[in-house]
Amino acid sequence: NIDAAVDWLRTKGLAAAAKKAGRVAAEGLVAVAVDGTNGAVVELNSETDFVSRNEDFQKFVGEIAKQAVAANGDIDALKATAFPGTSRNVEEQVTHMIATIGENMSLRRSAGLS
């Protein structure tokens, strides 16, 4: 049953992310995105600097920065924003990336620029 398999995988991924939640995420990246005269800066932390060198992680942080421009730097609004190309919001996509990459991550800060 495909639906049952998808539910099982989703549950397994969330359980894996929950196990990693207690680990310290002190490394990571800062990304800046600009749209016209508005911009945003975001900080996404990971456990190790090796993850921040990962091309997928770098693209992910850049995409979050683009979403932060639309959220005007408000971190709560950013977390609730739909993540492009998925049916998840930004916070859920961070959880998905934790399960995919295997390290704890934390969307630590966001600020709007004008």
Protein backbone atom coordinates (compact mmCIF):
# COMPACT_ATOMS: atom_id res chain seq x y z
CA ASN A 1 0.00 0.00 0.00
CA ILE A 2 1.68 3.20 -1.20
CA ASP A 3 -0.18 5.55 1.17
CA ALA A 4 0.79 3.46 4.20
CA ALA A 5 4.42 3.41 3.04
CA VAL A 6 4.47 7.20 2.64
CA ASP A 7 2.98 7.65 6.12
CA TRP A 8 5.54 5.25 7.59
CA LEU A 9 8.44 7.10 5.93
CA ARG A 10 7.10 10.46 7.10
CA THR A 11 6.78 9.18 10.67
CA LYS A 12 10.27 7.66 10.56
CA GLY A 13 11.75 10.96 9.31
CA LEU A 14 10.04 12.97 12.05
CA ALA A 15 11.25 10.48 14.66
CA ALA A 16 14.81 10.80 13.35
CA ALA A 17 14.57 14.60 13.49
CA ALA A 18 13.21 14.47 17.04
CA LYS A 19 16.20 12.35 18.16
CA LYS A 20 18.60 14.96 16.77
CA ALA A 21 16.75 17.94 18.28
CA GLY A 22 18.77 17.82 21.52
CA ARG A 23 22.11 18.19 19.74
CA VAL A 24 23.82 21.59 19.55
CA ALA A 25 23.69 23.28 16.16
CA ALA A 26 26.36 25.99 16.34
CA GLU A 27 27.79 25.97 12.80
CA GLY A 28 25.96 26.86 9.60
CA LEU A 29 25.44 29.63 7.08
CA VAL A 30 24.14 33.14 6.75
CA ALA A 31 22.39 34.01 3.49
CA VAL A 32 21.22 37.33 2.06
CA ALA A 33 18.52 37.80 -0.56
CA VAL A 34 17.42 41.02 -2.25
CA ASP A 35 14.27 41.87 -4.19
CA GLY A 36 14.21 45.45 -5.45
CA THR A 37 14.79 47.72 -2.46
CA ASN A 38 13.96 45.05 0.13
CA GLY A 39 16.14 42.27 1.42
CA ALA A 40 16.54 39.74 4.18
CA VAL A 41 19.28 37.98 6.08
CA VAL A 42 18.80 34.50 7.58
CA GLU A 43 20.98 32.25 9.70
CA LEU A 44 20.51 28.47 9.50
CA ASN A 45 22.66 26.54 11.92
CA SER A 46 23.86 22.93 11.67
CA GLU A 47 25.91 20.69 13.91
CA THR A 48 29.11 20.73 11.82
CA ASP A 49 30.77 22.97 9.27
CA PHE A 50 30.86 20.00 6.86
CA VAL A 51 27.12 20.36 6.31
CA SER A 52 27.49 24.06 5.53
CA ARG A 53 29.84 23.12 2.69
CA ASN A 54 27.18 20.85 1.19
CA GLU A 55 25.76 22.31 -2.03
CA ASP A 56 22.21 21.19 -1.17
CA PHE A 57 22.42 22.91 2.22
CA GLN A 58 23.72 26.11 0.60
CA LYS A 59 20.84 26.13 -1.93
CA PHE A 60 18.40 25.46 0.88
CA VAL A 61 19.63 28.42 2.94
CA GLY A 62 19.50 30.64 -0.16
CA GLU A 63 15.90 29.62 -0.81
CA ILE A 64 14.96 30.33 2.80
CA ALA A 65 16.52 33.80 2.43
CA LYS A 66 14.32 34.44 -0.63
CA GLN A 67 11.28 33.45 1.40
CA ALA A 68 12.43 35.73 4.22
CA VAL A 69 12.23 38.75 1.89
CA ALA A 70 8.52 38.03 1.41
CA ALA A 71 8.10 37.57 5.18
CA ASN A 72 9.91 40.92 5.77
CA GLY A 73 12.42 39.17 8.03
CA ASP A 74 9.80 38.05 10.59
CA ILE A 75 11.02 34.61 11.68
CA ASP A 76 7.61 33.35 12.80
CA ALA A 77 6.03 34.37 9.49
CA LEU A 78 9.00 32.84 7.67
CA LYS A 79 8.59 29.48 9.41
CA ALA A 80 4.90 29.42 8.38
CA THR A 81 5.62 30.40 4.74
CA ALA A 82 5.08 27.71 2.10
CA PHE A 83 8.39 26.30 0.87
CA PRO A 84 8.50 26.35 -2.96
CA GLY A 85 8.26 23.04 -4.79
CA THR A 86 6.88 21.16 -1.77
CA SER A 87 3.66 20.88 0.18
CA ARG A 88 5.54 21.84 3.37
CA ASN A 89 6.16 25.16 5.09
CA VAL A 90 9.70 26.36 5.85
CA GLU A 91 9.74 24.89 9.36
CA GLU A 92 8.58 21.49 8.07
CA GLN A 93 11.18 21.63 5.30
CA VAL A 94 13.92 22.23 7.89
CA THR A 95 12.68 19.10 9.70
CA HIS A 96 12.74 17.22 6.39
CA MET A 97 16.34 18.36 5.79
CA ILE A 98 17.32 17.17 9.29
CA ALA A 99 16.03 13.70 8.40
CA THR A 100 17.69 13.81 4.96
CA ILE A 101 21.14 15.12 5.96
CA GLY A 102 21.24 13.49 9.39
CA GLU A 103 22.23 16.49 11.49
CA ASN A 104 20.26 18.83 13.69
CA MET A 105 19.51 22.22 12.13
CA SER A 106 18.03 25.37 13.53
CA LEU A 107 16.61 28.41 11.77
CA ARG A 108 18.11 30.79 14.27
CA ARG A 109 17.62 34.34 13.03
CA SER A 110 16.01 36.37 10.30
CA ALA A 111 16.00 40.11 9.69
CA GLY A 112 14.46 42.31 7.02
CA LEU A 113 16.42 44.99 5.20
CA SER A 114 15.11 48.02 3.37
